[in-house]
C-alpha atoms as a PDB file:
ATOM      1  CA  UNK A   1      97.965 104.725 101.119  1.00  0.00           C
ATOM      2  CA  UNK A   2     100.148 107.210 102.965  1.00  0.00           C
ATOM      3  CA  UNK A   3      97.349 109.754 103.435  1.00  0.00           C
ATOM      4  CA  UNK A   4      95.071 107.482 105.500  1.00  0.00           C
ATOM      5  CA  UNK A   5      97.195 107.591 108.682  1.00  0.00           C
ATOM      6  CA  UNK A   6      97.642 111.343 108.296  1.00  0.00           C
ATOM      7  CA  UNK A   7      93.874 111.775 108.111  1.00  0.00           C
ATOM      8  CA  UNK A   8      93.489 109.622 111.217  1.00  0.00           C
ATOM      9  CA  UNK A   9      96.019 111.719 113.128  1.00  0.00           C
ATOM     10  CA  UNK A  10      94.303 114.936 112.070  1.00  0.00           C
ATOM     11  CA  UNK A  11      90.945 113.559 113.200  1.00  0.00           C
ATOM     12  CA  UNK A  12      92.292 112.456 116.582  1.00  0.00           C
ATOM     13  CA  UNK A  13      93.926 115.791 117.275  1.00  0.00           C
ATOM     14  CA  UNK A  14      90.811 117.688 116.191  1.00  0.00           C
ATOM     15  CA  UNK A  15      88.792 115.575 118.637  1.00  0.00           C
ATOM     16  CA  UNK A  16      91.308 116.376 121.353  1.00  0.00           C
ATOM     17  CA  UNK A  17      90.959 120.103 120.717  1.00  0.00           C
ATOM     18  CA  UNK A  18      87.158 119.993 120.655  1.00  0.00           C
ATOM     19  CA  UNK A  19      86.894 117.886 123.796  1.00  0.00           C
ATOM     20  CA  UNK A  20      89.268 120.216 125.617  1.00  0.00           C
ATOM     21  CA  UNK A  21      86.887 123.080 124.931  1.00  0.00           C
ATOM     22  CA  UNK A  22      83.855 120.976 125.855  1.00  0.00           C
ATOM     23  CA  UNK A  23      85.461 119.999 129.156  1.00  0.00           C
ATOM     24  CA  UNK A  24      85.968 123.613 130.083  1.00  0.00           C
ATOM     25  CA  UNK A  25      82.267 124.347 129.576  1.00  0.00           C
ATOM     26  CA  UNK A  26      80.504 121.167 130.756  1.00  0.00           C
ATOM     27  CA  UNK A  27      81.138 117.804 132.356  1.00  0.00           C
ATOM     28  CA  UNK A  28      80.977 116.009 128.978  1.00  0.00           C
ATOM     29  CA  UNK A  29      81.507 113.069 128.493  1.00  0.00           C
ATOM     30  CA  UNK A  30      79.571 111.298 131.200  1.00  0.00           C
ATOM     31  CA  UNK A  31      80.267 107.770 129.921  1.00  0.00           C
ATOM     32  CA  UNK A  32      83.439 106.051 128.674  1.00  0.00           C
ATOM     33  CA  UNK A  33      84.392 107.192 125.181  1.00  0.00           C
ATOM     34  CA  UNK A  34      85.328 104.685 122.485  1.00  0.00           C
ATOM     35  CA  UNK A  35      87.942 105.681 119.907  1.00  0.00           C
ATOM     36  CA  UNK A  36      87.570 103.430 116.865  1.00  0.00           C
ATOM     37  CA  UNK A  37      90.743 102.811 114.829  1.00  0.00           C
ATOM     38  CA  UNK A  38      90.369 101.212 111.376  1.00  0.00           C
ATOM     39  CA  UNK A  39      93.749  99.468 111.564  1.00  0.00           C
ATOM     40  CA  UNK A  40      95.137  96.400 113.340  1.00  0.00           C
ATOM     41  CA  UNK A  41      96.599  96.664 116.829  1.00  0.00           C
ATOM     42  CA  UNK A  42     100.305  97.378 117.157  1.00  0.00           C
ATOM     43  CA  UNK A  43     100.660  99.836 114.280  1.00  0.00           C
ATOM     44  CA  UNK A  44     101.449 103.526 114.460  1.00  0.00           C
ATOM     45  CA  UNK A  45      97.761 104.479 114.248  1.00  0.00           C
ATOM     46  CA  UNK A  46      96.953 102.215 117.212  1.00  0.00           C
ATOM     47  CA  UNK A  47      99.841 103.520 119.284  1.00  0.00           C
ATOM     48  CA  UNK A  48      98.884 107.138 118.525  1.00  0.00           C
ATOM     49  CA  UNK A  49      95.254 106.467 119.424  1.00  0.00           C
ATOM     50  CA  UNK A  50      96.308 104.950 122.768  1.00  0.00           C
ATOM     51  CA  UNK A  51      98.516 107.955 123.556  1.00  0.00           C
ATOM     52  CA  UNK A  52      95.679 110.351 122.720  1.00  0.00           C
ATOM     53  CA  UNK A  53      93.185 108.263 124.747  1.00  0.00           C
ATOM     54  CA  UNK A  54      95.510 108.298 127.769  1.00  0.00           C
ATOM     55  CA  UNK A  55      96.012 112.064 127.548  1.00  0.00           C
ATOM     56  CA  UNK A  56      92.287 112.705 127.162  1.00  0.00           C
ATOM     57  CA  UNK A  57      91.571 110.461 130.152  1.00  0.00           C
ATOM     58  CA  UNK A  58      94.052 112.403 132.275  1.00  0.00           C
ATOM     59  CA  UNK A  59      92.856 115.816 131.131  1.00  0.00           C
ATOM     60  CA  UNK A  60      89.106 115.200 131.288  1.00  0.00           C
ATOM     61  CA  UNK A  61      88.958 112.716 134.150  1.00  0.00           C
ATOM     62  CA  UNK A  62      86.901 110.293 132.080  1.00  0.00           C
ATOM     63  CA  UNK A  63      87.704 106.906 130.552  1.00  0.00           C
ATOM     64  CA  UNK A  64      88.719 106.806 126.877  1.00  0.00           C
ATOM     65  CA  UNK A  65      89.479 103.472 125.271  1.00  0.00           C
ATOM     66  CA  UNK A  66      90.644 102.302 121.846  1.00  0.00           C
ATOM     67  CA  UNK A  67      88.831  99.696 119.768  1.00  0.00           C
ATOM     68  CA  UNK A  68      90.593  98.349 116.676  1.00  0.00           C
ATOM     69  CA  UNK A  69      88.351  97.439 113.705  1.00  0.00           C
ATOM     70  CA  UNK A  70      90.633  96.495 110.802  1.00  0.00           C
ATOM     71  CA  UNK A  71      89.417  95.265 107.455  1.00  0.00           C
ATOM     72  CA  UNK A  72      87.135  96.095 104.567  1.00  0.00           C
ATOM     73  CA  UNK A  73      89.002  99.300 103.769  1.00  0.00           C
ATOM     74  CA  UNK A  74      87.569 101.129 106.775  1.00  0.00           C
ATOM     75  CA  UNK A  75      83.974 100.062 106.128  1.00  0.00           C
ATOM     76  CA  UNK A  76      83.784  97.985 109.341  1.00  0.00           C
ATOM     77  CA  UNK A  77      84.992 100.968 111.344  1.00  0.00           C
ATOM     78  CA  UNK A  78      82.571 103.339 109.648  1.00  0.00           C
ATOM     79  CA  UNK A  79      79.630 101.016 110.337  1.00  0.00           C
ATOM     80  CA  UNK A  80      80.620 100.718 114.006  1.00  0.00           C
ATOM     81  CA  UNK A  81      80.707 104.488 114.358  1.00  0.00           C
ATOM     82  CA  UNK A  82      77.447 105.005 112.448  1.00  0.00           C
ATOM     83  CA  UNK A  83      75.585 102.417 114.532  1.00  0.00           C
ATOM     84  CA  UNK A  84      76.813 103.789 117.867  1.00  0.00           C
ATOM     85  CA  UNK A  85      74.071 105.135 120.116  1.00  0.00           C
ATOM     86  CA  UNK A  86      73.789 108.930 120.092  1.00  0.00           C
ATOM     87  CA  UNK A  87      75.004 110.934 123.055  1.00  0.00           C
ATOM     88  CA  UNK A  88      73.457 114.065 124.457  1.00  0.00           C
ATOM     89  CA  UNK A  89      75.455 117.036 125.699  1.00  0.00           C
ATOM     90  CA  UNK A  90      73.669 118.933 128.460  1.00  0.00           C
END
């Protein structure tokens, strides 16, 4: 149980690093970016995701927002991410 939040933190920080590089090269993202968290609001994962979203918004000048999808052992979150429309980087 303890490794799930650590994996989430690693994923969020990896996204931050990749988007920092992408911002230097292009104007990606062009639309608001949704960060899906598989835990209920108010927990450490939610708070961390909001901090990362705020920092990314400041750094990239785009809107990042957090959507909480708790339940089903992360299956609801995985389905939401898998069914999201694809984005194109120009």
